[in-house]
Each structure stands twice: as structure tokens, then as C-alpha cells.
Amino acid sequence: MSNSGECSAEQPQPEPSMVYAEKLRQWRETVLEANRQFELAMQVAEESGVNSGEIRSKRGLLMMVNGCVEMMGAPNCSS
């Protein structure tokens, strides 16, 4: 009888905090890239004559999102 269904060699599991940190880094990069693309789209819209008040409100929202992403992606600082 064979034990082919069992895996006796234990592979080291990555530290949960390291897995979380990597996922957070990937998420942060994705969000910031999407925000850069959104900023470019707003510039094009602004140059084409779209309502500047609407662009300003969206730019404010974008800045707020970027700030939140930066805070969430920052390493934990404790004194």
C-alpha cells in the first residue's frame, strides 16, 4: 500500500504577517496605478473643456484616496 496521498515533507509556511504585507504592497501598487490613470483621464477631460468644478471635486477625491492608500501601506511605526 502506498502513501502517495500523504505529504510527509513539511514545507515552511510563510509568516502570516509577511503574506499580509506582500498582499498590501500589491494592493497599494494596483490602487496607485489606477489613480495615476484616473489623473491622466481627468487631465484629458479638463483639456477638452469639461466642467472644471467637476474635475476639481474628482481631483480632491483622488487626493483623499491616495492619502488613505499611503497611510494603509505605511509600515507600522511604534516608539
N, C-alpha and C. Protein backbone atom coordinates (compact mmCIF):
# COMPACT_ATOMS: atom_id res chain seq x y z
N MET A 1 0.83 -1.17 0.00
CA MET A 1 0.00 0.00 0.00
C MET A 1 0.88 1.24 0.00
N SER A 2 0.51 2.20 -0.76
CA SER A 2 1.33 3.39 -0.92
C SER A 2 0.73 4.57 -0.17
N ASN A 3 1.58 5.42 0.32
CA ASN A 3 1.15 6.64 1.00
C ASN A 3 1.26 7.84 0.07
N SER A 4 0.94 7.65 -1.19
CA SER A 4 1.10 8.73 -2.16
C SER A 4 0.19 9.92 -1.89
N GLY A 5 -0.89 9.70 -1.16
CA GLY A 5 -1.81 10.80 -0.85
C GLY A 5 -1.30 11.68 0.28
N GLU A 6 -0.29 11.22 1.00
CA GLU A 6 0.24 11.99 2.11
C GLU A 6 1.49 12.74 1.70
N CYS A 7 1.66 13.88 2.28
CA CYS A 7 2.87 14.67 2.02
C CYS A 7 3.63 14.77 3.33
N SER A 8 4.67 13.96 3.46
CA SER A 8 5.39 13.92 4.72
C SER A 8 6.41 15.05 4.85
N ALA A 9 6.88 15.57 3.73
CA ALA A 9 7.85 16.65 3.78
C ALA A 9 7.13 17.96 4.05
N GLU A 10 7.37 18.51 5.23
CA GLU A 10 6.70 19.76 5.57
C GLU A 10 7.44 20.93 4.94
N GLN A 11 6.69 21.71 4.20
CA GLN A 11 7.27 22.90 3.61
C GLN A 11 7.01 24.06 4.57
N PRO A 12 8.01 24.90 4.75
CA PRO A 12 7.80 26.01 5.68
C PRO A 12 6.71 26.95 5.16
N GLN A 13 5.80 27.27 6.03
CA GLN A 13 4.72 28.19 5.68
C GLN A 13 5.22 29.62 5.89
N PRO A 14 4.87 30.51 4.96
CA PRO A 14 5.31 31.89 5.15
C PRO A 14 4.64 32.50 6.37
N GLU A 15 5.33 33.39 7.00
CA GLU A 15 4.80 34.10 8.17
C GLU A 15 3.55 34.87 7.74
N PRO A 16 2.43 34.72 8.47
CA PRO A 16 1.19 35.41 8.08
C PRO A 16 1.37 36.92 7.90
N SER A 17 2.19 37.53 8.75
CA SER A 17 2.39 38.98 8.62
C SER A 17 3.13 39.32 7.33
N MET A 18 4.00 38.43 6.88
CA MET A 18 4.73 38.66 5.63
C MET A 18 3.79 38.50 4.43
N VAL A 19 2.89 37.52 4.51
CA VAL A 19 1.90 37.32 3.45
C VAL A 19 1.01 38.55 3.37
N TYR A 20 0.55 39.02 4.52
CA TYR A 20 -0.30 40.21 4.57
C TYR A 20 0.44 41.43 4.01
N ALA A 21 1.69 41.61 4.41
CA ALA A 21 2.47 42.76 3.94
C ALA A 21 2.63 42.72 2.43
N GLU A 22 2.86 41.55 1.86
CA GLU A 22 3.01 41.43 0.41
C GLU A 22 1.70 41.72 -0.30
N LYS A 23 0.60 41.19 0.22
CA LYS A 23 -0.72 41.47 -0.38
C LYS A 23 -1.02 42.97 -0.31
N LEU A 24 -0.70 43.58 0.82
CA LEU A 24 -0.93 45.02 0.99
C LEU A 24 -0.09 45.82 0.00
N ARG A 25 1.16 45.41 -0.19
CA ARG A 25 2.05 46.10 -1.14
C ARG A 25 1.48 45.99 -2.55
N GLN A 26 1.03 44.79 -2.93
CA GLN A 26 0.46 44.60 -4.27
C GLN A 26 -0.81 45.44 -4.44
N TRP A 27 -1.66 45.45 -3.42
CA TRP A 27 -2.89 46.23 -3.47
C TRP A 27 -2.57 47.71 -3.62
N ARG A 28 -1.61 48.19 -2.83
CA ARG A 28 -1.22 49.60 -2.87
C ARG A 28 -0.74 49.98 -4.27
N GLU A 29 0.12 49.16 -4.86
CA GLU A 29 0.62 49.44 -6.21
C GLU A 29 -0.52 49.48 -7.22
N THR A 30 -1.46 48.55 -7.10
CA THR A 30 -2.60 48.50 -8.02
C THR A 30 -3.45 49.76 -7.90
N VAL A 31 -3.76 50.15 -6.66
CA VAL A 31 -4.59 51.34 -6.45
C VAL A 31 -3.88 52.59 -6.93
N LEU A 32 -2.60 52.73 -6.61
CA LEU A 32 -1.88 53.93 -7.02
C LEU A 32 -1.76 54.01 -8.54
N GLU A 33 -1.58 52.89 -9.21
CA GLU A 33 -1.53 52.89 -10.68
C GLU A 33 -2.89 53.28 -11.25
N ALA A 34 -3.96 52.74 -10.69
CA ALA A 34 -5.30 53.12 -11.14
C ALA A 34 -5.53 54.61 -10.93
N ASN A 35 -5.06 55.14 -9.81
CA ASN A 35 -5.21 56.57 -9.55
C ASN A 35 -4.40 57.41 -10.53
N ARG A 36 -3.22 56.94 -10.92
CA ARG A 36 -2.43 57.66 -11.93
C ARG A 36 -3.18 57.69 -13.26
N GLN A 37 -3.77 56.57 -13.62
CA GLN A 37 -4.54 56.52 -14.87
C GLN A 37 -5.75 57.45 -14.79
N PHE A 38 -6.40 57.49 -13.64
CA PHE A 38 -7.54 58.37 -13.43
C PHE A 38 -7.12 59.83 -13.54
N GLU A 39 -5.97 60.17 -12.97
CA GLU A 39 -5.44 61.54 -13.05
C GLU A 39 -5.20 61.93 -14.51
N LEU A 40 -4.62 61.02 -15.28
CA LEU A 40 -4.40 61.30 -16.71
C LEU A 40 -5.72 61.52 -17.43
N ALA A 41 -6.71 60.70 -17.13
CA ALA A 41 -8.02 60.85 -17.76
C ALA A 41 -8.65 62.19 -17.39
N MET A 42 -8.48 62.62 -16.14
CA MET A 42 -9.01 63.92 -15.73
C MET A 42 -8.30 65.06 -16.45
N GLN A 43 -7.00 64.94 -16.66
CA GLN A 43 -6.26 65.97 -17.39
C GLN A 43 -6.78 66.09 -18.82
N VAL A 44 -7.01 64.96 -19.46
CA VAL A 44 -7.54 64.97 -20.82
C VAL A 44 -8.92 65.60 -20.84
N ALA A 45 -9.76 65.23 -19.88
CA ALA A 45 -11.11 65.79 -19.81
C ALA A 45 -11.05 67.30 -19.59
N GLU A 46 -10.15 67.73 -18.72
CA GLU A 46 -10.01 69.16 -18.42
C GLU A 46 -9.57 69.92 -19.67
N GLU A 47 -8.62 69.35 -20.41
CA GLU A 47 -8.13 69.99 -21.63
C GLU A 47 -9.20 70.03 -22.71
N SER A 48 -10.16 69.11 -22.65
CA SER A 48 -11.21 69.09 -23.67
C SER A 48 -12.40 69.98 -23.30
N GLY A 49 -12.31 70.65 -22.14
CA GLY A 49 -13.33 71.63 -21.79
C GLY A 49 -14.43 71.14 -20.87
N VAL A 50 -14.22 70.04 -20.18
CA VAL A 50 -15.22 69.55 -19.23
C VAL A 50 -15.29 70.53 -18.06
N ASN A 51 -16.43 70.60 -17.42
CA ASN A 51 -16.67 71.48 -16.28
C ASN A 51 -15.53 71.39 -15.26
N SER A 52 -14.82 72.51 -15.05
CA SER A 52 -13.65 72.49 -14.17
C SER A 52 -14.02 72.22 -12.71
N GLY A 53 -15.22 72.62 -12.27
CA GLY A 53 -15.66 72.32 -10.91
C GLY A 53 -15.78 70.83 -10.68
N GLU A 54 -16.28 70.14 -11.67
CA GLU A 54 -16.40 68.68 -11.57
C GLU A 54 -15.02 68.03 -11.49
N ILE A 55 -14.09 68.53 -12.29
CA ILE A 55 -12.73 67.99 -12.27
C ILE A 55 -12.09 68.24 -10.90
N ARG A 56 -12.26 69.44 -10.35
CA ARG A 56 -11.68 69.75 -9.04
C ARG A 56 -12.23 68.83 -7.95
N SER A 57 -13.53 68.57 -7.98
CA SER A 57 -14.11 67.69 -6.96
C SER A 57 -13.56 66.27 -7.09
N LYS A 58 -13.40 65.81 -8.31
CA LYS A 58 -12.86 64.45 -8.52
C LYS A 58 -11.38 64.41 -8.13
N ARG A 59 -10.66 65.48 -8.40
CA ARG A 59 -9.25 65.52 -8.03
C ARG A 59 -9.11 65.50 -6.50
N GLY A 60 -10.01 66.20 -5.80
CA GLY A 60 -10.00 66.17 -4.33
C GLY A 60 -10.25 64.77 -3.81
N LEU A 61 -11.19 64.08 -4.41
CA LEU A 61 -11.48 62.70 -4.02
C LEU A 61 -10.27 61.81 -4.27
N LEU A 62 -9.62 62.01 -5.41
CA LEU A 62 -8.44 61.23 -5.76
C LEU A 62 -7.32 61.46 -4.73
N MET A 63 -7.13 62.70 -4.33
CA MET A 63 -6.10 63.01 -3.34
C MET A 63 -6.41 62.33 -2.01
N MET A 64 -7.68 62.31 -1.64
CA MET A 64 -8.09 61.67 -0.39
C MET A 64 -7.82 60.16 -0.45
N VAL A 65 -8.17 59.54 -1.57
CA VAL A 65 -7.94 58.10 -1.73
C VAL A 65 -6.45 57.80 -1.68
N ASN A 66 -5.64 58.61 -2.38
CA ASN A 66 -4.19 58.40 -2.36
C ASN A 66 -3.65 58.51 -0.94
N GLY A 67 -4.14 59.48 -0.18
CA GLY A 67 -3.70 59.63 1.21
C GLY A 67 -4.04 58.42 2.05
N CYS A 68 -5.25 57.90 1.88
CA CYS A 68 -5.66 56.69 2.62
C CYS A 68 -4.79 55.50 2.25
N VAL A 69 -4.52 55.34 0.96
CA VAL A 69 -3.70 54.22 0.50
C VAL A 69 -2.29 54.33 1.07
N GLU A 70 -1.75 55.55 1.07
CA GLU A 70 -0.40 55.74 1.61
C GLU A 70 -0.37 55.41 3.10
N MET A 71 -1.40 55.83 3.84
CA MET A 71 -1.45 55.53 5.27
C MET A 71 -1.55 54.03 5.52
N MET A 72 -2.39 53.36 4.75
CA MET A 72 -2.58 51.92 4.94
C MET A 72 -1.34 51.14 4.55
N GLY A 73 -0.59 51.65 3.58
CA GLY A 73 0.59 50.96 3.10
C GLY A 73 1.85 51.29 3.87
N ALA A 74 1.76 52.27 4.77
CA ALA A 74 2.95 52.68 5.53
C ALA A 74 3.29 51.62 6.57
N PRO A 75 4.58 51.42 6.80
CA PRO A 75 4.97 50.46 7.84
C PRO A 75 4.52 50.97 9.20
N ASN A 76 4.27 50.03 10.09
CA ASN A 76 3.84 50.37 11.44
C ASN A 76 5.00 51.03 12.18
N CYS A 77 4.76 52.20 12.72
CA CYS A 77 5.79 52.91 13.47
C CYS A 77 5.38 52.95 14.93
N SER A 78 6.20 52.40 15.79
CA SER A 78 5.91 52.48 17.22
C SER A 78 7.18 52.89 17.94
N SER A 79 7.02 53.78 18.88
CA SER A 79 8.18 54.29 19.62
C SER A 79 8.36 53.54 20.92
